[in-house]
C-alpha atoms as a PDB file:
ATOM      1  CA  MET A   1     -20.441 -20.793 -17.828  1.00  0.00           C
ATOM      2  CA  THR A   2     -18.541 -22.375 -20.703  1.00  0.00           C
ATOM      3  CA  ARG A   3     -14.905 -23.413 -20.615  1.00  0.00           C
ATOM      4  CA  GLU A   4     -14.026 -20.615 -22.996  1.00  0.00           C
ATOM      5  CA  GLU A   5     -15.632 -18.048 -20.690  1.00  0.00           C
ATOM      6  CA  LYS A   6     -13.795 -19.482 -17.693  1.00  0.00           C
ATOM      7  CA  ALA A   7     -10.496 -19.465 -19.599  1.00  0.00           C
ATOM      8  CA  SER A   8     -11.102 -15.854 -20.608  1.00  0.00           C
ATOM      9  CA  ILE A   9     -11.804 -14.834 -16.996  1.00  0.00           C
ATOM     10  CA  ILE A  10      -8.699 -16.657 -15.740  1.00  0.00           C
ATOM     11  CA  GLU A  11      -6.579 -14.957 -18.408  1.00  0.00           C
ATOM     12  CA  SER A  12      -8.026 -11.538 -17.542  1.00  0.00           C
ATOM     13  CA  LEU A  13      -7.368 -12.066 -13.826  1.00  0.00           C
ATOM     14  CA  SER A  14      -3.814 -13.298 -14.394  1.00  0.00           C
ATOM     15  CA  GLU A  15      -3.111 -10.193 -16.507  1.00  0.00           C
ATOM     16  CA  LYS A  16      -4.378  -7.992 -13.666  1.00  0.00           C
ATOM     17  CA  LEU A  17      -2.151  -9.896 -11.247  1.00  0.00           C
ATOM     18  CA  LYS A  18       0.827  -9.158 -13.478  1.00  0.00           C
ATOM     19  CA  THR A  19      -0.192  -5.508 -13.949  1.00  0.00           C
ATOM     20  CA  TYR A  20      -0.866  -4.612 -10.311  1.00  0.00           C
ATOM     21  CA  ASN A  21       1.685  -5.123  -7.541  1.00  0.00           C
ATOM     22  CA  HIS A  22      -0.783  -5.766  -4.733  1.00  0.00           C
ATOM     23  CA  PHE A  23      -4.262  -7.163  -4.201  1.00  0.00           C
ATOM     24  CA  TYR A  24      -6.749  -7.476  -1.364  1.00  0.00           C
ATOM     25  CA  VAL A  25      -9.340 -10.234  -1.036  1.00  0.00           C
ATOM     26  CA  THR A  26     -12.462  -8.781   0.546  1.00  0.00           C
ATOM     27  CA  ASP A  27     -16.022  -9.732   1.343  1.00  0.00           C
ATOM     28  CA  ILE A  28     -18.631  -7.234   0.165  1.00  0.00           C
ATOM     29  CA  GLU A  29     -21.608  -9.578   0.274  1.00  0.00           C
ATOM     30  CA  GLY A  30     -24.645  -7.973   1.844  1.00  0.00           C
ATOM     31  CA  LEU A  31     -23.855  -4.382   0.872  1.00  0.00           C
ATOM     32  CA  ASN A  32     -26.918  -2.553  -0.384  1.00  0.00           C
ATOM     33  CA  ALA A  33     -26.928  -0.643  -3.672  1.00  0.00           C
ATOM     34  CA  GLU A  34     -25.968   2.664  -2.045  1.00  0.00           C
ATOM     35  CA  GLN A  35     -23.038   1.120  -0.158  1.00  0.00           C
ATOM     36  CA  THR A  36     -21.853  -0.753  -3.253  1.00  0.00           C
ATOM     37  CA  THR A  37     -21.970   2.452  -5.286  1.00  0.00           C
ATOM     38  CA  ALA A  38     -19.990   4.261  -2.579  1.00  0.00           C
ATOM     39  CA  LEU A  39     -17.401   1.460  -2.571  1.00  0.00           C
ATOM     40  CA  ARG A  40     -17.022   1.491  -6.346  1.00  0.00           C
ATOM     41  CA  SER A  41     -16.773   5.291  -6.312  1.00  0.00           C
ATOM     42  CA  GLU A  42     -14.022   5.190  -3.670  1.00  0.00           C
ATOM     43  CA  CYS A  43     -12.173   2.528  -5.662  1.00  0.00           C
ATOM     44  CA  TYR A  44     -12.354   4.663  -8.794  1.00  0.00           C
ATOM     45  CA  LYS A  45     -11.062   7.768  -6.945  1.00  0.00           C
ATOM     46  CA  GLU A  46      -8.159   5.824  -5.440  1.00  0.00           C
ATOM     47  CA  SER A  47      -7.205   3.985  -8.682  1.00  0.00           C
ATOM     48  CA  VAL A  48      -8.183   0.630  -7.208  1.00  0.00           C
ATOM     49  CA  LYS A  49      -9.666  -1.962  -9.558  1.00  0.00           C
ATOM     50  CA  LEU A  50     -12.532  -3.877  -7.882  1.00  0.00           C
ATOM     51  CA  VAL A  51     -13.510  -7.247  -9.364  1.00  0.00           C
ATOM     52  CA  VAL A  52     -15.988  -9.802  -8.001  1.00  0.00           C
ATOM     53  CA  VAL A  53     -14.646 -13.283  -8.741  1.00  0.00           C
ATOM     54  CA  LYS A  54     -15.313 -16.947  -8.289  1.00  0.00           C
ATOM     55  CA  ASN A  55     -12.765 -18.331  -5.838  1.00  0.00           C
ATOM     56  CA  LYS A  56     -11.665 -21.305  -7.962  1.00  0.00           C
ATOM     57  CA  LEU A  57     -11.123 -19.124 -11.004  1.00  0.00           C
ATOM     58  CA  PHE A  58      -9.051 -16.684  -8.957  1.00  0.00           C
ATOM     59  CA  LEU A  59      -6.929 -19.544  -7.553  1.00  0.00           C
ATOM     60  CA  LYS A  60      -6.266 -20.736 -11.111  1.00  0.00           C
ATOM     61  CA  ALA A  61      -5.319 -17.176 -12.124  1.00  0.00           C
ATOM     62  CA  LEU A  62      -2.907 -16.997  -9.155  1.00  0.00           C
ATOM     63  CA  GLU A  63      -1.286 -20.243 -10.270  1.00  0.00           C
ATOM     64  CA  ARG A  64      -1.028 -18.970 -13.852  1.00  0.00           C
ATOM     65  CA  ALA A  65       0.613 -15.750 -12.598  1.00  0.00           C
ATOM     66  CA  SER A  66       3.064 -17.844 -10.506  1.00  0.00           C
ATOM     67  CA  ILE A  67       1.939 -16.352  -7.191  1.00  0.00           C
ATOM     68  CA  ASP A  68       2.294 -18.547  -4.119  1.00  0.00           C
ATOM     69  CA  THR A  69      -1.212 -19.295  -2.848  1.00  0.00           C
ATOM     70  CA  ASN A  70      -0.063 -20.537   0.555  1.00  0.00           C
ATOM     71  CA  GLY A  71      -2.680 -19.253   2.997  1.00  0.00           C
ATOM     72  CA  LEU A  72      -4.852 -17.584   0.377  1.00  0.00           C
ATOM     73  CA  ASP A  73      -6.840 -20.739  -0.290  1.00  0.00           C
ATOM     74  CA  THR A  74      -8.221 -20.589   3.266  1.00  0.00           C
ATOM     75  CA  ALA A  75      -9.355 -16.985   2.724  1.00  0.00           C
ATOM     76  CA  LEU A  76     -11.052 -17.766  -0.563  1.00  0.00           C
ATOM     77  CA  LYS A  77     -14.259 -19.142   0.907  1.00  0.00           C
ATOM     78  CA  GLY A  78     -17.703 -17.688   0.337  1.00  0.00           C
ATOM     79  CA  SER A  79     -18.191 -14.500  -1.629  1.00  0.00           C
ATOM     80  CA  SER A  80     -14.962 -12.774  -2.655  1.00  0.00           C
ATOM     81  CA  SER A  81     -14.076  -9.561  -4.396  1.00  0.00           C
ATOM     82  CA  ILE A  82     -10.552  -8.545  -5.304  1.00  0.00           C
ATOM     83  CA  MET A  83      -9.115  -5.040  -5.024  1.00  0.00           C
ATOM     84  CA  PHE A  84      -6.120  -4.622  -7.315  1.00  0.00           C
ATOM     85  CA  CYS A  85      -3.805  -1.684  -6.622  1.00  0.00           C
ATOM     86  CA  ASP A  86      -0.321  -0.252  -7.133  1.00  0.00           C
ATOM     87  CA  GLN A  87       0.014   1.364  -3.683  1.00  0.00           C
ATOM     88  CA  ALA A  88      -0.064  -1.160  -0.856  1.00  0.00           C
ATOM     89  CA  SER A  89      -1.882   0.803   1.828  1.00  0.00           C
ATOM     90  CA  VAL A  90      -4.603   2.472  -0.259  1.00  0.00           C
ATOM     91  CA  PRO A  91      -7.225  -0.331  -0.084  1.00  0.00           C
ATOM     92  CA  ALA A  92      -6.672  -0.810   3.652  1.00  0.00           C
ATOM     93  CA  LYS A  93      -7.192   2.896   4.311  1.00  0.00           C
ATOM     94  CA  MET A  94     -10.270   2.854   2.099  1.00  0.00           C
ATOM     95  CA  ILE A  95     -11.712  -0.173   3.920  1.00  0.00           C
ATOM     96  CA  LYS A  96     -11.146   1.551   7.272  1.00  0.00           C
ATOM     97  CA  ARG A  97     -12.983   4.671   6.047  1.00  0.00           C
ATOM     98  CA  LEU A  98     -15.906   2.690   4.690  1.00  0.00           C
ATOM     99  CA  ARG A  99     -16.150   0.556   7.837  1.00  0.00           C
ATOM    100  CA  LYS A 100     -17.085   3.651   9.836  1.00  0.00           C
ATOM    101  CA  THR A 101     -20.544   3.506   8.214  1.00  0.00           C
ATOM    102  CA  ALA A 102     -20.969  -0.234   7.437  1.00  0.00           C
ATOM    103  CA  ASP A 103     -19.707  -3.661   8.513  1.00  0.00           C
ATOM    104  CA  LYS A 104     -18.283  -4.358   5.091  1.00  0.00           C
ATOM    105  CA  PRO A 105     -16.073  -4.560   3.127  1.00  0.00           C
ATOM    106  CA  ALA A 106     -14.374  -7.127   5.317  1.00  0.00           C
ATOM    107  CA  LEU A 107     -10.722  -7.962   4.757  1.00  0.00           C
ATOM    108  CA  LYS A 108     -10.151 -11.654   4.123  1.00  0.00           C
ATOM    109  CA  ALA A 109      -6.548 -11.539   2.898  1.00  0.00           C
ATOM    110  CA  ALA A 110      -4.014  -9.331   1.161  1.00  0.00           C
ATOM    111  CA  TYR A 111      -0.973  -9.825  -1.035  1.00  0.00           C
ATOM    112  CA  VAL A 112       1.338  -6.894  -0.352  1.00  0.00           C
ATOM    113  CA  GLU A 113       5.060  -6.572  -1.109  1.00  0.00           C
ATOM    114  CA  GLU A 114       5.148 -10.292  -1.980  1.00  0.00           C
ATOM    115  CA  SER A 115       3.792 -11.233   1.468  1.00  0.00           C
ATOM    116  CA  ILE A 116       0.431 -12.746   2.294  1.00  0.00           C
ATOM    117  CA  TYR A 117      -1.687 -11.382   5.149  1.00  0.00           C
ATOM    118  CA  VAL A 118      -4.719 -13.482   6.093  1.00  0.00           C
ATOM    119  CA  GLY A 119      -7.363 -12.094   8.389  1.00  0.00           C
ATOM    120  CA  GLU A 120      -9.152  -8.929   9.438  1.00  0.00           C
ATOM    121  CA  HIS A 121      -6.652  -8.284  12.247  1.00  0.00           C
ATOM    122  CA  TYR A 122      -4.043  -7.167   9.669  1.00  0.00           C
ATOM    123  CA  LEU A 123      -6.137  -4.199   8.516  1.00  0.00           C
ATOM    124  CA  GLU A 124      -4.384  -1.644  10.748  1.00  0.00           C
ATOM    125  CA  THR A 125      -0.939  -2.980   9.804  1.00  0.00           C
ATOM    126  CA  LEU A 126      -1.755  -2.835   6.100  1.00  0.00           C
ATOM    127  CA  ALA A 127      -3.094   0.720   6.404  1.00  0.00           C
ATOM    128  CA  THR A 128       0.265   1.914   7.761  1.00  0.00           C
ATOM    129  CA  ILE A 129       2.566   0.100   5.329  1.00  0.00           C
ATOM    130  CA  LYS A 130       4.783   2.531   3.465  1.00  0.00           C
ATOM    131  CA  SER A 131       5.436   2.171  -0.218  1.00  0.00           C
ATOM    132  CA  LYS A 132       8.894   1.399  -1.548  1.00  0.00           C
ATOM    133  CA  ASN A 133       9.322   5.038  -2.676  1.00  0.00           C
ATOM    134  CA  GLU A 134       8.291   6.344   0.762  1.00  0.00           C
ATOM    135  CA  LEU A 135      10.855   4.083   2.437  1.00  0.00           C
ATOM    136  CA  ILE A 136      13.573   5.201   0.033  1.00  0.00           C
ATOM    137  CA  GLY A 137      12.667   8.820   0.836  1.00  0.00           C
ATOM    138  CA  ASP A 138      12.945   8.094   4.579  1.00  0.00           C
ATOM    139  CA  VAL A 139      16.391   6.524   4.126  1.00  0.00           C
ATOM    140  CA  ILE A 140      17.599   9.462   2.020  1.00  0.00           C
ATOM    141  CA  GLY A 141      16.298  11.871   4.664  1.00  0.00           C
ATOM    142  CA  LEU A 142      18.174   9.972   7.375  1.00  0.00           C
ATOM    143  CA  LEU A 143      21.359   9.983   5.320  1.00  0.00           C
ATOM    144  CA  GLN A 144      21.077  13.720   4.611  1.00  0.00           C
ATOM    145  CA  SER A 145      20.499  14.665   8.252  1.00  0.00           C
ATOM    146  CA  PRO A 146      24.139  14.286   9.444  1.00  0.00           C
ATOM    147  CA  ALA A 147      25.450  16.177   6.411  1.00  0.00           C
ATOM    148  CA  LYS A 148      23.003  19.014   7.079  1.00  0.00           C
ATOM    149  CA  ASN A 149      24.153  19.171  10.709  1.00  0.00           C
ATOM    150  CA  VAL A 150      27.821  19.428   9.664  1.00  0.00           C
ATOM    151  CA  ILE A 151      27.076  22.143   7.116  1.00  0.00           C
ATOM    152  CA  SER A 152      24.939  24.035   9.599  1.00  0.00           C
ATOM    153  CA  GLY A 153      27.682  23.788  12.219  1.00  0.00           C
ATOM    154  CA  LEU A 154      30.302  25.046   9.794  1.00  0.00           C
ATOM    155  CA  GLN A 155      28.114  27.928   8.702  1.00  0.00           C
ATOM    156  CA  SER A 156      27.293  29.059  12.224  1.00  0.00           C
ATOM    157  CA  GLY A 157      30.828  28.301  13.390  1.00  0.00           C
ATOM    158  CA  GLY A 158      32.231  30.436  10.599  1.00  0.00           C
ATOM    159  CA  GLN A 159      30.392  33.459  11.953  1.00  0.00           C
ATOM    160  CA  LYS A 160      31.707  32.727  15.450  1.00  0.00           C
ATOM    161  CA  LEU A 161      35.253  32.423  14.114  1.00  0.00           C
ATOM    162  CA  VAL A 162      34.969  35.805  12.437  1.00  0.00           C
ATOM    163  CA  GLY A 163      33.807  37.290  15.739  1.00  0.00           C
ATOM    164  CA  ILE A 164      36.641  35.661  17.692  1.00  0.00           C
ATOM    165  CA  LEU A 165      39.275  36.796  15.163  1.00  0.00           C
ATOM    166  CA  LYS A 166      37.886  40.329  15.256  1.00  0.00           C
ATOM    167  CA  THR A 167      38.075  40.371  19.065  1.00  0.00           C
ATOM    168  CA  LEU A 168      41.660  39.071  19.011  1.00  0.00           C
ATOM    169  CA  GLU A 169      42.673  41.732  16.487  1.00  0.00           C
ATOM    170  CA  GLU A 170      41.131  44.430  18.656  1.00  0.00           C
ATOM    171  CA  LYS A 171      43.055  43.153  21.716  1.00  0.00           C
ATOM    172  CA  LYS A 172      46.338  43.183  19.772  1.00  0.00           C
ATOM    173  CA  ALA A 173      45.691  46.695  18.567  1.00  0.00           C
ATOM    174  CA  SER A 174      45.063  47.992  22.074  1.00  0.00           C
END
Protein backbone atom coordinates (compact mmCIF):
# COMPACT_ATOMS: atom_id res chain seq x y z
CA MET A 1 0.00 0.00 0.00
CA THR A 2 1.44 3.36 -1.01
CA ARG A 3 1.69 6.40 1.23
CA GLU A 4 -0.98 8.14 -0.79
CA GLU A 5 -3.37 5.23 -0.28
CA LYS A 6 -2.65 5.19 3.45
CA ALA A 7 -3.15 8.96 3.67
CA SER A 8 -6.45 8.63 1.81
CA ILE A 9 -7.65 5.89 4.18
CA ILE A 10 -6.64 7.92 7.25
CA GLU A 11 -8.46 10.97 5.88
CA SER A 12 -11.58 8.91 5.13
CA LEU A 13 -11.57 7.40 8.63
CA SER A 14 -11.04 10.76 10.33
CA GLU A 15 -14.00 12.18 8.38
CA LYS A 16 -16.16 9.28 9.58
CA LEU A 17 -15.00 9.94 13.14
CA LYS A 18 -16.11 13.55 12.78
CA THR A 19 -19.41 12.57 11.13
CA TYR A 20 -20.51 9.86 13.56
CA ASN A 21 -20.80 10.43 17.31
CA HIS A 22 -19.95 6.89 18.39
CA PHE A 23 -17.93 3.91 17.22
CA TYR A 24 -17.39 0.31 18.25
CA VAL A 25 -14.21 -1.68 17.66
CA THR A 26 -15.14 -5.28 16.98
CA ASP A 27 -13.57 -8.53 15.89
CA ILE A 28 -15.35 -10.28 13.03
CA GLU A 29 -12.47 -12.50 11.96
CA GLY A 30 -13.56 -16.05 11.29
CA LEU A 31 -17.13 -15.26 10.22
CA ASN A 32 -18.16 -17.26 7.17
CA ALA A 33 -19.69 -15.62 4.10
CA GLU A 34 -23.27 -16.13 5.30
CA GLN A 35 -22.55 -14.64 8.73
CA THR A 36 -20.67 -11.70 7.21
CA THR A 37 -23.56 -11.01 4.86
CA ALA A 38 -26.00 -11.14 7.79
CA LEU A 39 -23.80 -8.71 9.74
CA ARG A 40 -23.53 -6.26 6.86
CA SER A 41 -27.29 -6.51 6.27
CA GLU A 42 -28.01 -5.76 9.94
CA CYS A 43 -25.60 -2.82 9.84
CA TYR A 44 -27.34 -1.43 6.76
CA LYS A 45 -30.81 -1.78 8.36
CA GLU A 46 -29.66 -0.04 11.54
CA SER A 47 -27.74 2.78 9.77
CA VAL A 48 -24.42 1.53 11.11
CA LYS A 49 -21.36 1.95 8.89
CA LEU A 50 -19.07 -1.12 9.09
CA VAL A 51 -15.45 -0.69 8.01
CA VAL A 52 -12.58 -3.20 8.28
CA VAL A 53 -9.40 -1.28 9.09
CA LYS A 54 -5.74 -1.67 9.82
CA ASN A 55 -5.15 -0.82 13.47
CA LYS A 56 -2.27 1.62 12.92
CA LEU A 57 -4.21 3.54 10.29
CA PHE A 58 -7.21 3.79 12.61
CA LEU A 59 -4.99 5.05 15.47
CA LYS A 60 -3.62 7.74 13.15
CA ALA A 61 -7.18 8.69 12.14
CA LEU A 62 -8.14 8.95 15.83
CA GLU A 63 -5.20 11.27 16.44
CA ARG A 64 -6.14 13.37 13.40
CA ALA A 65 -9.74 13.63 14.68
CA SER A 66 -8.40 14.68 18.13
CA ILE A 67 -9.95 11.71 19.94
CA ASP A 68 -8.19 10.51 23.07
CA THR A 69 -6.87 7.01 22.36
CA ASN A 70 -6.23 6.16 26.01
CA GLY A 71 -7.19 2.50 26.34
CA LEU A 72 -8.11 2.02 22.69
CA ASP A 73 -4.57 1.14 21.69
CA THR A 74 -4.78 -2.02 23.82
CA ALA A 75 -8.00 -3.05 22.05
CA LEU A 76 -6.57 -2.48 18.60
CA LYS A 77 -4.72 -5.77 18.34
CA GLY A 78 -5.38 -8.43 15.72
CA SER A 79 -8.19 -8.07 13.22
CA SER A 80 -10.43 -5.05 13.79
CA SER A 81 -13.57 -3.71 12.22
CA ILE A 82 -15.19 -0.43 13.18
CA MET A 83 -18.92 0.18 13.50
CA PHE A 84 -19.72 3.87 13.17
CA CYS A 85 -23.12 5.03 14.41
CA ASP A 86 -25.18 8.00 15.60
CA GLN A 87 -27.16 6.13 18.28
CA ALA A 88 -24.96 4.75 21.05
CA SER A 89 -26.77 1.53 21.87
CA VAL A 90 -27.63 0.30 18.36
CA PRO A 91 -24.38 -1.62 17.64
CA ALA A 92 -24.40 -3.23 21.09
CA LYS A 93 -27.97 -4.45 20.62
CA MET A 94 -27.08 -5.70 17.15
CA ILE A 95 -24.01 -7.57 18.45
CA LYS A 96 -26.14 -9.20 21.16
CA ARG A 97 -28.68 -10.36 18.55
CA LEU A 98 -26.02 -11.75 16.25
CA ARG A 99 -24.20 -13.49 19.11
CA LYS A 100 -27.22 -15.74 19.63
CA THR A 101 -26.21 -17.63 16.46
CA ALA A 102 -22.41 -17.11 16.33
CA ASP A 103 -19.43 -16.30 18.57
CA LYS A 104 -18.71 -13.11 16.68
CA PRO A 105 -18.77 -10.17 16.31
CA ALA A 106 -16.83 -9.74 19.52
CA LEU A 107 -16.71 -6.35 21.20
CA LYS A 108 -13.17 -5.10 21.72
CA ALA A 109 -13.90 -1.48 22.65
CA ALA A 110 -16.40 1.32 22.16
CA TYR A 111 -16.32 5.10 22.11
CA VAL A 112 -19.72 6.27 23.34
CA GLU A 113 -20.72 9.69 24.68
CA GLU A 114 -17.03 10.68 24.74
CA SER A 115 -16.17 7.73 27.01
CA ILE A 116 -14.09 4.69 26.17
CA TYR A 117 -15.27 1.19 27.09
CA VAL A 118 -12.70 -1.58 26.63
CA GLY A 119 -13.73 -5.20 26.80
CA GLU A 120 -16.55 -7.61 26.07
CA HIS A 121 -17.97 -7.24 29.59
CA TYR A 122 -19.34 -3.78 28.68
CA LEU A 123 -21.69 -5.17 26.02
CA GLU A 124 -24.75 -5.30 28.29
CA THR A 125 -24.06 -1.80 29.65
CA LEU A 126 -23.67 -0.38 26.15
CA ALA A 127 -26.89 -2.05 24.97
CA THR A 128 -28.87 -0.22 27.66
CA ILE A 129 -27.34 3.25 27.28
CA LYS A 130 -29.98 5.84 26.48
CA SER A 131 -29.40 8.50 23.89
CA LYS A 132 -29.22 12.16 24.82
CA ASN A 133 -32.74 12.74 23.42
CA GLU A 134 -34.14 9.80 25.42
CA LEU A 135 -32.63 11.19 28.62
CA ILE A 136 -34.04 14.65 27.90
CA GLY A 137 -37.46 13.04 27.36
CA ASP A 138 -37.17 11.23 30.71
CA VAL A 139 -36.31 14.47 32.51
CA ILE A 140 -39.21 16.32 30.87
CA GLY A 141 -41.55 13.48 31.85
CA LEU A 142 -40.35 13.69 35.46
CA LEU A 143 -40.81 17.45 35.50
CA GLN A 144 -44.32 17.20 34.03
CA SER A 145 -45.48 14.56 36.51
CA PRO A 146 -45.97 16.89 39.53
CA ALA A 147 -47.79 19.47 37.39
CA LYS A 148 -50.11 16.77 36.05
CA ASN A 149 -50.86 15.63 39.61
CA VAL A 150 -51.76 19.18 40.69
CA ILE A 151 -54.00 19.71 37.67
CA SER A 152 -55.65 16.35 38.17
CA GLY A 153 -56.23 17.12 41.85
CA LEU A 154 -57.75 20.49 41.04
CA GLN A 155 -60.00 19.00 38.39
CA SER A 156 -61.28 16.20 40.61
CA GLY A 157 -61.38 18.51 43.62
CA GLY A 158 -63.47 21.00 41.68
CA GLN A 159 -66.17 18.38 41.20
CA LYS A 160 -66.08 17.56 44.91
CA LEU A 161 -66.37 21.24 45.80
CA VAL A 162 -69.44 21.58 43.61
CA GLY A 163 -70.98 18.58 45.39
CA ILE A 164 -70.16 19.97 48.84
CA LEU A 165 -71.56 23.43 47.97
CA LYS A 166 -74.72 21.84 46.60
CA THR A 167 -75.18 19.83 49.81
CA LEU A 168 -74.64 22.93 51.96
CA GLU A 169 -77.19 24.89 49.92
CA GLU A 170 -79.72 22.09 50.33
CA LYS A 171 -79.17 22.07 54.13
CA LYS A 172 -79.68 25.85 54.31
CA ALA A 173 -82.85 25.60 52.28
CA SER A 174 -84.33 22.95 54.56
